[in-house]
Amino acid sequence: MSAEDSIMAIVRDVASGYSVLVEDDGRVAYGYLTDRKNKFIADVWLYNRSHAPAEGQWHDKEAMPFLNPAEYVRTDLAIRFMEQPADVRISWEASEQYEAIARIYLHDELVGILVPGAKPGWSVLATKDGPIAKRFIDHWK
């Protein structure tokens, strides 16, 4: 897959007015939560298609969207990458604590969670908390 073949899925929650955008640009995939005005209010790294670099490239804005470095990526778990928008499903939940919880599924497997203001959100492939994803905790399982 090349960058020209990027895949994007957008799922809107009518009740809350929030939307989740999942984008795989051929190198890396992210999930983004937008509010009723389409402002980006949360994001999470979901997976690298490309080889995980040894170090983060956070200082190089030209490298955006960033690949997650190897030390932050689980190697004991494999997921199927998004190949088409229909591979994405979002489960919405109203929450007193977070207002809304968006669970991101690829091929019916939970891969990420976004809540308003979470920068970053939680990724099943994150081995530890980092700048672009937090690791899953029991609270989300």
C-alpha atoms as a PDB file:
ATOM      1  CA  MET A   1       0.000   0.000   0.000  1.00  0.00           C
ATOM      2  CA  SER A   2       1.322   3.445  -0.858  1.00  0.00           C
ATOM      3  CA  ALA A   3       0.447   6.825   0.625  1.00  0.00           C
ATOM      4  CA  GLU A   4      -1.736   7.455  -2.414  1.00  0.00           C
ATOM      5  CA  ASP A   5      -3.795   4.435  -1.365  1.00  0.00           C
ATOM      6  CA  SER A   6      -4.630   5.714   2.098  1.00  0.00           C
ATOM      7  CA  ILE A   7      -7.819   4.394   3.652  1.00  0.00           C
ATOM      8  CA  MET A   8     -10.184   6.478   5.733  1.00  0.00           C
ATOM      9  CA  ALA A   9     -13.353   5.630   7.635  1.00  0.00           C
ATOM     10  CA  ILE A  10     -15.615   8.112   9.421  1.00  0.00           C
ATOM     11  CA  VAL A  11     -18.268   6.976  11.888  1.00  0.00           C
ATOM     12  CA  ARG A  12     -20.647   9.489  13.462  1.00  0.00           C
ATOM     13  CA  ASP A  13     -22.613   9.084  16.676  1.00  0.00           C
ATOM     14  CA  VAL A  14     -25.952  10.798  16.165  1.00  0.00           C
ATOM     15  CA  ALA A  15     -26.724  10.919  19.897  1.00  0.00           C
ATOM     16  CA  SER A  16     -23.550  12.759  20.956  1.00  0.00           C
ATOM     17  CA  GLY A  17     -22.649  14.513  17.709  1.00  0.00           C
ATOM     18  CA  TYR A  18     -19.102  13.145  17.912  1.00  0.00           C
ATOM     19  CA  SER A  19     -17.349  11.387  15.046  1.00  0.00           C
ATOM     20  CA  VAL A  20     -14.381   9.054  14.830  1.00  0.00           C
ATOM     21  CA  LEU A  21     -12.060   9.202  11.840  1.00  0.00           C
ATOM     22  CA  VAL A  22      -9.736   6.236  11.358  1.00  0.00           C
ATOM     23  CA  GLU A  23      -6.969   6.792   8.807  1.00  0.00           C
ATOM     24  CA  ASP A  24      -4.318   4.407   7.503  1.00  0.00           C
ATOM     25  CA  ASP A  25      -1.927   6.284   5.212  1.00  0.00           C
ATOM     26  CA  GLY A  26       0.063   3.215   4.194  1.00  0.00           C
ATOM     27  CA  ARG A  27       2.723   3.776   6.899  1.00  0.00           C
ATOM     28  CA  VAL A  28       0.750   4.194  10.102  1.00  0.00           C
ATOM     29  CA  ALA A  29      -2.850   4.299  11.349  1.00  0.00           C
ATOM     30  CA  TYR A  30      -4.474   6.718  13.771  1.00  0.00           C
ATOM     31  CA  GLY A  31      -7.908   7.302  15.216  1.00  0.00           C
ATOM     32  CA  TYR A  32      -9.238  10.823  15.753  1.00  0.00           C
ATOM     33  CA  LEU A  33     -12.275  12.014  17.708  1.00  0.00           C
ATOM     34  CA  THR A  34     -14.028  15.142  16.473  1.00  0.00           C
ATOM     35  CA  ASP A  35     -16.706  17.206  18.160  1.00  0.00           C
ATOM     36  CA  ARG A  36     -19.970  18.554  16.754  1.00  0.00           C
ATOM     37  CA  LYS A  37     -18.030  21.297  14.908  1.00  0.00           C
ATOM     38  CA  ASN A  38     -15.570  18.761  13.417  1.00  0.00           C
ATOM     39  CA  LYS A  39     -12.753  20.002  15.670  1.00  0.00           C
ATOM     40  CA  PHE A  40     -10.176  17.321  16.544  1.00  0.00           C
ATOM     41  CA  ILE A  41     -10.436  16.742  20.300  1.00  0.00           C
ATOM     42  CA  ALA A  42      -8.665  13.389  20.800  1.00  0.00           C
ATOM     43  CA  ASP A  43      -6.295  11.112  18.908  1.00  0.00           C
ATOM     44  CA  VAL A  44      -4.573   7.761  19.224  1.00  0.00           C
ATOM     45  CA  TRP A  45      -1.953   5.759  17.334  1.00  0.00           C
ATOM     46  CA  LEU A  46      -3.412   2.396  16.333  1.00  0.00           C
ATOM     47  CA  TYR A  47      -0.602   0.579  14.484  1.00  0.00           C
ATOM     48  CA  ASN A  48       2.499   0.896  12.314  1.00  0.00           C
ATOM     49  CA  ARG A  49       2.444  -0.672   8.868  1.00  0.00           C
ATOM     50  CA  SER A  50       6.076   0.340   8.442  1.00  0.00           C
ATOM     51  CA  HIS A  51       8.884  -1.006  10.604  1.00  0.00           C
ATOM     52  CA  ALA A  52       8.905   0.642  14.041  1.00  0.00           C
ATOM     53  CA  PRO A  53      11.857   3.030  14.302  1.00  0.00           C
ATOM     54  CA  ALA A  54      14.355   2.684  17.148  1.00  0.00           C
ATOM     55  CA  GLU A  55      13.618   6.223  18.338  1.00  0.00           C
ATOM     56  CA  GLY A  56      10.684   8.609  18.164  1.00  0.00           C
ATOM     57  CA  GLN A  57      10.736  11.344  15.553  1.00  0.00           C
ATOM     58  CA  TRP A  58       8.610  13.771  17.585  1.00  0.00           C
ATOM     59  CA  HIS A  59      11.005  16.667  16.815  1.00  0.00           C
ATOM     60  CA  ASP A  60      10.523  16.294  13.036  1.00  0.00           C
ATOM     61  CA  LYS A  61       7.099  17.674  12.059  1.00  0.00           C
ATOM     62  CA  GLU A  62       7.746  16.460   8.496  1.00  0.00           C
ATOM     63  CA  ALA A  63       7.502  12.881   9.828  1.00  0.00           C
ATOM     64  CA  MET A  64       3.857  13.349  10.874  1.00  0.00           C
ATOM     65  CA  PRO A  65       1.854  11.279  11.384  1.00  0.00           C
ATOM     66  CA  PHE A  66       4.469   9.645  13.575  1.00  0.00           C
ATOM     67  CA  LEU A  67       5.337   5.972  13.621  1.00  0.00           C
ATOM     68  CA  ASN A  68       5.400   4.602  17.149  1.00  0.00           C
ATOM     69  CA  PRO A  69       8.972   3.620  18.123  1.00  0.00           C
ATOM     70  CA  ALA A  70       9.766  -0.010  18.898  1.00  0.00           C
ATOM     71  CA  GLU A  71       9.996   0.486  22.673  1.00  0.00           C
ATOM     72  CA  TYR A  72       6.306   1.536  22.735  1.00  0.00           C
ATOM     73  CA  VAL A  73       4.943  -1.217  20.459  1.00  0.00           C
ATOM     74  CA  ARG A  74       3.759  -4.622  21.632  1.00  0.00           C
ATOM     75  CA  THR A  75       5.289  -7.508  19.705  1.00  0.00           C
ATOM     76  CA  ASP A  76       3.232 -10.234  21.382  1.00  0.00           C
ATOM     77  CA  LEU A  77      -0.010  -9.238  19.666  1.00  0.00           C
ATOM     78  CA  ALA A  78      -0.873  -9.028  15.985  1.00  0.00           C
ATOM     79  CA  ILE A  79      -3.905  -7.306  14.514  1.00  0.00           C
ATOM     80  CA  ARG A  80      -5.325  -7.239  11.017  1.00  0.00           C
ATOM     81  CA  PHE A  81      -4.798  -3.886   9.342  1.00  0.00           C
ATOM     82  CA  MET A  82      -7.629  -1.871   7.874  1.00  0.00           C
ATOM     83  CA  GLU A  83      -8.009  -2.686   4.175  1.00  0.00           C
ATOM     84  CA  GLN A  84     -11.301  -0.878   3.543  1.00  0.00           C
ATOM     85  CA  PRO A  85     -13.587   1.485   5.481  1.00  0.00           C
ATOM     86  CA  ALA A  86     -16.017  -1.360   6.227  1.00  0.00           C
ATOM     87  CA  ASP A  87     -13.329  -2.973   8.429  1.00  0.00           C
ATOM     88  CA  VAL A  88     -13.935  -0.248  11.045  1.00  0.00           C
ATOM     89  CA  ARG A  89     -16.659  -0.357  13.671  1.00  0.00           C
ATOM     90  CA  ILE A  90     -17.109   2.137  16.492  1.00  0.00           C
ATOM     91  CA  SER A  91     -18.959   1.337  19.702  1.00  0.00           C
ATOM     92  CA  TRP A  92     -20.277   4.465  21.434  1.00  0.00           C
ATOM     93  CA  GLU A  93     -21.001   4.701  25.150  1.00  0.00           C
ATOM     94  CA  ALA A  94     -22.313   7.649  27.152  1.00  0.00           C
ATOM     95  CA  SER A  95     -20.198   8.276  30.240  1.00  0.00           C
ATOM     96  CA  GLU A  96     -20.567  10.568  33.238  1.00  0.00           C
ATOM     97  CA  GLN A  97     -16.793  10.703  33.668  1.00  0.00           C
ATOM     98  CA  TYR A  98     -15.814  11.198  30.004  1.00  0.00           C
ATOM     99  CA  GLU A  99     -19.093  12.324  28.384  1.00  0.00           C
ATOM    100  CA  ALA A 100     -18.579   9.825  25.573  1.00  0.00           C
ATOM    101  CA  ILE A 101     -16.393   6.774  25.017  1.00  0.00           C
ATOM    102  CA  ALA A 102     -15.586   5.624  21.480  1.00  0.00           C
ATOM    103  CA  ARG A 103     -14.202   2.100  21.164  1.00  0.00           C
ATOM    104  CA  ILE A 104     -12.472   1.463  17.839  1.00  0.00           C
ATOM    105  CA  TYR A 105     -12.718  -2.034  16.363  1.00  0.00           C
ATOM    106  CA  LEU A 106     -10.925  -3.389  13.293  1.00  0.00           C
ATOM    107  CA  HIS A 107     -12.313  -6.652  11.972  1.00  0.00           C
ATOM    108  CA  ASP A 108     -14.370  -6.847  15.209  1.00  0.00           C
ATOM    109  CA  GLU A 109     -11.236  -6.712  17.409  1.00  0.00           C
ATOM    110  CA  LEU A 110     -10.902  -3.831  19.879  1.00  0.00           C
ATOM    111  CA  VAL A 111      -7.821  -1.775  18.943  1.00  0.00           C
ATOM    112  CA  GLY A 112      -8.304   1.660  20.492  1.00  0.00           C
ATOM    113  CA  ILE A 113     -10.319   3.918  22.751  1.00  0.00           C
ATOM    114  CA  LEU A 114     -10.936   7.641  22.496  1.00  0.00           C
ATOM    115  CA  VAL A 115     -12.626  10.029  24.919  1.00  0.00           C
ATOM    116  CA  PRO A 116     -12.947  13.816  24.615  1.00  0.00           C
ATOM    117  CA  GLY A 117      -9.653  15.486  25.507  1.00  0.00           C
ATOM    118  CA  ALA A 118      -7.557  12.296  25.402  1.00  0.00           C
ATOM    119  CA  LYS A 119      -4.334  13.197  23.630  1.00  0.00           C
ATOM    120  CA  PRO A 120      -3.321  10.488  23.350  1.00  0.00           C
ATOM    121  CA  GLY A 121      -6.011   7.862  23.693  1.00  0.00           C
ATOM    122  CA  TRP A 122      -5.490   4.164  24.424  1.00  0.00           C
ATOM    123  CA  SER A 123      -4.184   1.562  21.972  1.00  0.00           C
ATOM    124  CA  VAL A 124      -4.172  -2.208  22.412  1.00  0.00           C
ATOM    125  CA  LEU A 125      -0.748  -2.296  20.704  1.00  0.00           C
ATOM    126  CA  ALA A 126       0.910   0.217  23.047  1.00  0.00           C
ATOM    127  CA  THR A 127       3.286  -1.523  25.437  1.00  0.00           C
ATOM    128  CA  LYS A 128       3.619   1.572  27.633  1.00  0.00           C
ATOM    129  CA  ASP A 129       2.334   5.133  27.773  1.00  0.00           C
ATOM    130  CA  GLY A 130       3.936   7.413  25.223  1.00  0.00           C
ATOM    131  CA  PRO A 131       3.334  10.635  23.299  1.00  0.00           C
ATOM    132  CA  ILE A 132       0.985   9.075  20.714  1.00  0.00           C
ATOM    133  CA  ALA A 133      -0.762   6.272  22.633  1.00  0.00           C
ATOM    134  CA  LYS A 134      -1.387   5.058  26.151  1.00  0.00           C
ATOM    135  CA  ARG A 135      -1.354   1.372  26.969  1.00  0.00           C
ATOM    136  CA  PHE A 136      -4.637  -0.346  27.728  1.00  0.00           C
ATOM    137  CA  ILE A 137      -5.500  -0.693  31.381  1.00  0.00           C
ATOM    138  CA  ASP A 138      -7.925  -3.127  32.989  1.00  0.00           C
ATOM    139  CA  HIS A 139     -10.491  -0.319  33.207  1.00  0.00           C
ATOM    140  CA  TRP A 140     -10.988  -0.495  29.419  1.00  0.00           C
ATOM    141  CA  LYS A 141     -11.128  -4.273  28.978  1.00  0.00           C
END
